[in-house]
Structures are given as C-alpha cells and as structure tokens.
Amino acid sequence: MSKVFQSIQRLRERGVTVLLVEQHVPVALKVSDRAYALENGRIVLSGASEEVASNEKLREHYLGI
C-alpha cells in the first residue's frame, strides 16, 4: 500500500473524515468506511465499503470482473 493510503488509514483510525476520489477502487475500498460510485455526476451506488465491494453490479460494471 502506498504512503498516501497508509496516511489515509491512520487518519481513519483517528476518526478523521477524509473525502477520497480514487480510480483504483479495490485500494480505496480497503481504506474507507463508505463508498459512492458516480456516473455522469449522479450517485448510482452507495453504501458501506464492504457492501459495495461485494456488490455484483459494481464488480461487473466498474471493475470489469
């Protein structure tokens, strides 16, 4: 994990809110409590990071797997 994500993880552990915009979804989901997927400026998917990570729509549409 990069130093940036390690720093974000430490902030999270301290209870500091961070708004993270990241294209590397798997890593972003590991360091976040909540996640939102945007399409054309609209939220199309939201929830707890663990729920979003296991969401089949996200995996197929956004991760291509």
PDB file of N, CA and C in Angstrom:
ATOM      1  N   MET A   1       0.858  -1.176   0.000  1.00  0.00           N
ATOM      2  CA  MET A   1       0.000   0.000   0.000  1.00  0.00           C
ATOM      3  C   MET A   1       0.900   1.234   0.000  1.00  0.00           C
ATOM      4  N   SER A   2       0.542   2.232  -0.781  1.00  0.00           N
ATOM      5  CA  SER A   2       1.357   3.439  -0.888  1.00  0.00           C
ATOM      6  C   SER A   2       1.328   4.255   0.399  1.00  0.00           C
ATOM      7  N   LYS A   3       2.282   5.153   0.502  1.00  0.00           N
ATOM      8  CA  LYS A   3       2.350   6.015   1.684  1.00  0.00           C
ATOM      9  C   LYS A   3       1.093   6.866   1.823  1.00  0.00           C
ATOM     10  N   VAL A   4       0.522   7.276   0.700  1.00  0.00           N
ATOM     11  CA  VAL A   4      -0.706   8.082   0.744  1.00  0.00           C
ATOM     12  C   VAL A   4      -1.823   7.287   1.406  1.00  0.00           C
ATOM     13  N   PHE A   5      -2.007   6.049   0.979  1.00  0.00           N
ATOM     14  CA  PHE A   5      -3.077   5.231   1.545  1.00  0.00           C
ATOM     15  C   PHE A   5      -2.786   4.846   2.990  1.00  0.00           C
ATOM     16  N   GLN A   6      -1.517   4.677   3.326  1.00  0.00           N
ATOM     17  CA  GLN A   6      -1.166   4.416   4.720  1.00  0.00           C
ATOM     18  C   GLN A   6      -1.532   5.616   5.588  1.00  0.00           C
ATOM     19  N   SER A   7      -1.287   6.816   5.073  1.00  0.00           N
ATOM     20  CA  SER A   7      -1.645   8.034   5.812  1.00  0.00           C
ATOM     21  C   SER A   7      -3.155   8.150   5.966  1.00  0.00           C
ATOM     22  N   ILE A   8      -3.882   7.830   4.904  1.00  0.00           N
ATOM     23  CA  ILE A   8      -5.345   7.875   4.967  1.00  0.00           C
ATOM     24  C   ILE A   8      -5.845   6.867   6.000  1.00  0.00           C
ATOM     25  N   GLN A   9      -5.249   5.695   6.028  1.00  0.00           N
ATOM     26  CA  GLN A   9      -5.646   4.673   7.005  1.00  0.00           C
ATOM     27  C   GLN A   9      -5.415   5.167   8.431  1.00  0.00           C
ATOM     28  N   ARG A  10      -4.294   5.824   8.677  1.00  0.00           N
ATOM     29  CA  ARG A  10      -4.019   6.350  10.022  1.00  0.00           C
ATOM     30  C   ARG A  10      -5.033   7.430  10.401  1.00  0.00           C
ATOM     31  N   LEU A  11      -5.382   8.296   9.456  1.00  0.00           N
ATOM     32  CA  LEU A  11      -6.396   9.319   9.725  1.00  0.00           C
ATOM     33  C   LEU A  11      -7.731   8.664  10.056  1.00  0.00           C
ATOM     34  N   ARG A  12      -8.080   7.639   9.304  1.00  0.00           N
ATOM     35  CA  ARG A  12      -9.332   6.904   9.544  1.00  0.00           C
ATOM     36  C   ARG A  12      -9.353   6.329  10.957  1.00  0.00           C
ATOM     37  N   GLU A  13      -8.238   5.748  11.364  1.00  0.00           N
ATOM     38  CA  GLU A  13      -8.147   5.158  12.702  1.00  0.00           C
ATOM     39  C   GLU A  13      -8.302   6.206  13.798  1.00  0.00           C
ATOM     40  N   ARG A  14      -7.962   7.445  13.501  1.00  0.00           N
ATOM     41  CA  ARG A  14      -8.109   8.547  14.459  1.00  0.00           C
ATOM     42  C   ARG A  14      -9.503   9.166  14.419  1.00  0.00           C
ATOM     43  N   GLY A  15     -10.335   8.722  13.486  1.00  0.00           N
ATOM     44  CA  GLY A  15     -11.687   9.246  13.385  1.00  0.00           C
ATOM     45  C   GLY A  15     -11.804  10.499  12.542  1.00  0.00           C
ATOM     46  N   VAL A  16     -10.777  10.789  11.741  1.00  0.00           N
ATOM     47  CA  VAL A  16     -10.784  11.973  10.883  1.00  0.00           C
ATOM     48  C   VAL A  16     -11.508  11.633   9.579  1.00  0.00           C
ATOM     49  N   THR A  17     -12.421  12.497   9.172  1.00  0.00           N
ATOM     50  CA  THR A  17     -13.140  12.299   7.921  1.00  0.00           C
ATOM     51  C   THR A  17     -12.273  12.744   6.755  1.00  0.00           C
ATOM     52  N   VAL A  18     -12.222  11.908   5.718  1.00  0.00           N
ATOM     53  CA  VAL A  18     -11.456  12.212   4.513  1.00  0.00           C
ATOM     54  C   VAL A  18     -12.355  11.938   3.317  1.00  0.00           C
ATOM     55  N   LEU A  19     -12.418  12.876   2.394  1.00  0.00           N
ATOM     56  CA  LEU A  19     -13.122  12.653   1.136  1.00  0.00           C
ATOM     57  C   LEU A  19     -12.074  12.230   0.117  1.00  0.00           C
ATOM     58  N   LEU A  20     -12.164  11.008  -0.342  1.00  0.00           N
ATOM     59  CA  LEU A  20     -11.176  10.433  -1.249  1.00  0.00           C
ATOM     60  C   LEU A  20     -11.822  10.178  -2.602  1.00  0.00           C
ATOM     61  N   VAL A  21     -11.219  10.703  -3.644  1.00  0.00           N
ATOM     62  CA  VAL A  21     -11.656  10.423  -5.010  1.00  0.00           C
ATOM     63  C   VAL A  21     -10.534   9.612  -5.638  1.00  0.00           C
ATOM     64  N   GLU A  22     -10.833   8.375  -5.974  1.00  0.00           N
ATOM     65  CA  GLU A  22      -9.775   7.456  -6.406  1.00  0.00           C
ATOM     66  C   GLU A  22     -10.299   6.511  -7.472  1.00  0.00           C
ATOM     67  N   GLN A  23      -9.522   6.304  -8.531  1.00  0.00           N
ATOM     68  CA  GLN A  23      -9.910   5.391  -9.596  1.00  0.00           C
ATOM     69  C   GLN A  23      -9.548   3.941  -9.286  1.00  0.00           C
ATOM     70  N   HIS A  24      -8.606   3.727  -8.394  1.00  0.00           N
ATOM     71  CA  HIS A  24      -8.196   2.366  -8.033  1.00  0.00           C
ATOM     72  C   HIS A  24      -9.145   1.869  -6.932  1.00  0.00           C
ATOM     73  N   VAL A  25     -10.268   1.351  -7.360  1.00  0.00           N
ATOM     74  CA  VAL A  25     -11.364   1.018  -6.454  1.00  0.00           C
ATOM     75  C   VAL A  25     -10.987   0.016  -5.358  1.00  0.00           C
ATOM     76  N   PRO A  26     -10.318  -1.084  -5.651  1.00  0.00           N
ATOM     77  CA  PRO A  26     -10.028  -2.046  -4.578  1.00  0.00           C
ATOM     78  C   PRO A  26      -9.256  -1.440  -3.405  1.00  0.00           C
ATOM     79  N   VAL A  27      -8.267  -0.615  -3.701  1.00  0.00           N
ATOM     80  CA  VAL A  27      -7.487   0.009  -2.627  1.00  0.00           C
ATOM     81  C   VAL A  27      -8.338   1.027  -1.884  1.00  0.00           C
ATOM     82  N   ALA A  28      -9.103   1.817  -2.610  1.00  0.00           N
ATOM     83  CA  ALA A  28      -9.951   2.829  -1.973  1.00  0.00           C
ATOM     84  C   ALA A  28     -10.951   2.180  -1.018  1.00  0.00           C
ATOM     85  N   LEU A  29     -11.507   1.047  -1.410  1.00  0.00           N
ATOM     86  CA  LEU A  29     -12.475   0.368  -0.553  1.00  0.00           C
ATOM     87  C   LEU A  29     -11.834  -0.184   0.718  1.00  0.00           C
ATOM     88  N   LYS A  30     -10.555  -0.505   0.655  1.00  0.00           N
ATOM     89  CA  LYS A  30      -9.865  -1.037   1.835  1.00  0.00           C
ATOM     90  C   LYS A  30      -9.632   0.024   2.903  1.00  0.00           C
ATOM     91  N   VAL A  31      -9.526   1.285   2.502  1.00  0.00           N
ATOM     92  CA  VAL A  31      -9.220   2.349   3.472  1.00  0.00           C
ATOM     93  C   VAL A  31     -10.432   3.220   3.786  1.00  0.00           C
ATOM     94  N   SER A  32     -11.612   2.801   3.330  1.00  0.00           N
ATOM     95  CA  SER A  32     -12.796   3.635   3.542  1.00  0.00           C
ATOM     96  C   SER A  32     -13.876   2.884   4.313  1.00  0.00           C
ATOM     97  N   ASP A  33     -14.747   3.657   4.944  1.00  0.00           N
ATOM     98  CA  ASP A  33     -15.902   3.085   5.640  1.00  0.00           C
ATOM     99  C   ASP A  33     -17.124   3.070   4.733  1.00  0.00           C
ATOM    100  N   ARG A  34     -17.238   4.101   3.896  1.00  0.00           N
ATOM    101  CA  ARG A  34     -18.369   4.222   2.979  1.00  0.00           C
ATOM    102  C   ARG A  34     -17.839   4.484   1.586  1.00  0.00           C
ATOM    103  N   ALA A  35     -18.641   4.118   0.581  1.00  0.00           N
ATOM    104  CA  ALA A  35     -18.228   4.315  -0.805  1.00  0.00           C
ATOM    105  C   ALA A  35     -19.420   4.756  -1.644  1.00  0.00           C
ATOM    106  N   TYR A  36     -19.101   5.524  -2.654  1.00  0.00           N
ATOM    107  CA  TYR A  36     -20.103   6.022  -3.594  1.00  0.00           C
ATOM    108  C   TYR A  36     -19.546   5.868  -4.996  1.00  0.00           C
ATOM    109  N   ALA A  37     -20.371   5.412  -5.925  1.00  0.00           N
ATOM    110  CA  ALA A  37     -19.982   5.338  -7.330  1.00  0.00           C
ATOM    111  C   ALA A  37     -20.802   6.376  -8.079  1.00  0.00           C
ATOM    112  N   LEU A  38     -20.114   7.193  -8.849  1.00  0.00           N
ATOM    113  CA  LEU A  38     -20.768   8.243  -9.622  1.00  0.00           C
ATOM    114  C   LEU A  38     -20.749   7.888 -11.098  1.00  0.00           C
ATOM    115  N   GLU A  39     -21.820   8.252 -11.778  1.00  0.00           N
ATOM    116  CA  GLU A  39     -21.889   8.109 -13.224  1.00  0.00           C
ATOM    117  C   GLU A  39     -22.590   9.338 -13.766  1.00  0.00           C
ATOM    118  N   ASN A  40     -21.924  10.056 -14.624  1.00  0.00           N
ATOM    119  CA  ASN A  40     -22.468  11.303 -15.181  1.00  0.00           C
ATOM    120  C   ASN A  40     -22.903  12.262 -14.083  1.00  0.00           C
ATOM    121  N   GLY A  41     -22.110  12.335 -13.019  1.00  0.00           N
ATOM    122  CA  GLY A  41     -22.378  13.274 -11.938  1.00  0.00           C
ATOM    123  C   GLY A  41     -23.458  12.851 -10.960  1.00  0.00           C
ATOM    124  N   ARG A  42     -23.974  11.655 -11.101  1.00  0.00           N
ATOM    125  CA  ARG A  42     -25.019  11.167 -10.199  1.00  0.00           C
ATOM    126  C   ARG A  42     -24.536   9.934  -9.445  1.00  0.00           C
ATOM    127  N   ILE A  43     -24.965   9.832  -8.195  1.00  0.00           N
ATOM    128  CA  ILE A  43     -24.625   8.653  -7.400  1.00  0.00           C
ATOM    129  C   ILE A  43     -25.472   7.486  -7.895  1.00  0.00           C
ATOM    130  N   VAL A  44     -24.803   6.429  -8.353  1.00  0.00           N
ATOM    131  CA  VAL A  44     -25.512   5.249  -8.852  1.00  0.00           C
ATOM    132  C   VAL A  44     -25.388   4.062  -7.904  1.00  0.00           C
ATOM    133  N   LEU A  45     -24.500   4.191  -6.920  1.00  0.00           N
ATOM    134  CA  LEU A  45     -24.284   3.110  -5.974  1.00  0.00           C
ATOM    135  C   LEU A  45     -23.664   3.696  -4.722  1.00  0.00           C
ATOM    136  N   SER A  46     -24.181   3.320  -3.554  1.00  0.00           N
ATOM    137  CA  SER A  46     -23.596   3.814  -2.309  1.00  0.00           C
ATOM    138  C   SER A  46     -23.829   2.798  -1.206  1.00  0.00           C
ATOM    139  N   GLY A  47     -22.996   2.893  -0.190  1.00  0.00           N
ATOM    140  CA  GLY A  47     -23.164   2.019   0.961  1.00  0.00           C
ATOM    141  C   GLY A  47     -21.864   1.825   1.703  1.00  0.00           C
ATOM    142  N   ALA A  48     -21.905   0.939   2.681  1.00  0.00           N
ATOM    143  CA  ALA A  48     -20.692   0.590   3.412  1.00  0.00           C
ATOM    144  C   ALA A  48     -19.692  -0.004   2.426  1.00  0.00           C
ATOM    145  N   SER A  49     -18.428   0.299   2.615  1.00  0.00           N
ATOM    146  CA  SER A  49     -17.399  -0.158   1.673  1.00  0.00           C
ATOM    147  C   SER A  49     -17.425  -1.665   1.471  1.00  0.00           C
ATOM    148  N   GLU A  50     -17.617  -2.420   2.546  1.00  0.00           N
ATOM    149  CA  GLU A  50     -17.670  -3.881   2.429  1.00  0.00           C
ATOM    150  C   GLU A  50     -18.841  -4.327   1.560  1.00  0.00           C
ATOM    151  N   GLU A  51     -19.989  -3.657   1.707  1.00  0.00           N
ATOM    152  CA  GLU A  51     -21.159  -3.995   0.895  1.00  0.00           C
ATOM    153  C   GLU A  51     -20.918  -3.638  -0.565  1.00  0.00           C
ATOM    154  N   VAL A  52     -20.349  -2.468  -0.791  1.00  0.00           N
ATOM    155  CA  VAL A  52     -20.077  -2.030  -2.159  1.00  0.00           C
ATOM    156  C   VAL A  52     -19.068  -2.971  -2.814  1.00  0.00           C
ATOM    157  N   ALA A  53     -18.053  -3.387  -2.067  1.00  0.00           N
ATOM    158  CA  ALA A  53     -17.027  -4.281  -2.609  1.00  0.00           C
ATOM    159  C   ALA A  53     -17.610  -5.622  -3.031  1.00  0.00           C
ATOM    160  N   SER A  54     -18.659  -6.063  -2.360  1.00  0.00           N
ATOM    161  CA  SER A  54     -19.256  -7.354  -2.698  1.00  0.00           C
ATOM    162  C   SER A  54     -20.438  -7.216  -3.652  1.00  0.00           C
ATOM    163  N   ASN A  55     -20.737  -5.996  -4.078  1.00  0.00           N
ATOM    164  CA  ASN A  55     -21.865  -5.744  -4.972  1.00  0.00           C
ATOM    165  C   ASN A  55     -21.523  -6.204  -6.390  1.00  0.00           C
ATOM    166  N   GLU A  56     -22.294  -7.125  -6.919  1.00  0.00           N
ATOM    167  CA  GLU A  56     -22.039  -7.687  -8.241  1.00  0.00           C
ATOM    168  C   GLU A  56     -22.095  -6.625  -9.340  1.00  0.00           C
ATOM    169  N   LYS A  57     -23.013  -5.669  -9.218  1.00  0.00           N
ATOM    170  CA  LYS A  57     -23.123  -4.601 -10.222  1.00  0.00           C
ATOM    171  C   LYS A  57     -21.818  -3.814 -10.299  1.00  0.00           C
ATOM    172  N   LEU A  58     -21.267  -3.472  -9.151  1.00  0.00           N
ATOM    173  CA  LEU A  58     -20.001  -2.732  -9.118  1.00  0.00           C
ATOM    174  C   LEU A  58     -18.890  -3.567  -9.732  1.00  0.00           C
ATOM    175  N   ARG A  59     -18.797  -4.808  -9.347  1.00  0.00           N
ATOM    176  CA  ARG A  59     -17.721  -5.672  -9.847  1.00  0.00           C
ATOM    177  C   ARG A  59     -17.775  -5.797 -11.365  1.00  0.00           C
ATOM    178  N   GLU A  60     -18.945  -5.992 -11.909  1.00  0.00           N
ATOM    179  CA  GLU A  60     -19.083  -6.162 -13.356  1.00  0.00           C
ATOM    180  C   GLU A  60     -18.919  -4.844 -14.106  1.00  0.00           C
ATOM    181  N   HIS A  61     -19.637  -3.831 -13.667  1.00  0.00           N
ATOM    182  CA  HIS A  61     -19.703  -2.576 -14.418  1.00  0.00           C
ATOM    183  C   HIS A  61     -18.471  -1.697 -14.226  1.00  0.00           C
ATOM    184  N   TYR A  62     -17.993  -1.580 -12.999  1.00  0.00           N
ATOM    185  CA  TYR A  62     -16.915  -0.637 -12.722  1.00  0.00           C
ATOM    186  C   TYR A  62     -15.541  -1.279 -12.631  1.00  0.00           C
ATOM    187  N   LEU A  63     -15.481  -2.527 -12.212  1.00  0.00           N
ATOM    188  CA  LEU A  63     -14.190  -3.196 -12.097  1.00  0.00           C
ATOM    189  C   LEU A  63     -13.907  -4.108 -13.283  1.00  0.00           C
ATOM    190  N   GLY A  64     -14.939  -4.421 -14.059  1.00  0.00           N
ATOM    191  CA  GLY A  64     -14.763  -5.270 -15.226  1.00  0.00           C
ATOM    192  C   GLY A  64     -14.429  -6.722 -14.892  1.00  0.00           C
ATOM    193  N   ILE A  65     -14.871  -7.180 -13.711  1.00  0.00           N
ATOM    194  CA  ILE A  65     -14.609  -8.578 -13.342  1.00  0.00           C
ATOM    195  C   ILE A  65     -15.898  -9.271 -12.943  1.00  0.00           C
TER     196      ILE A  65
END
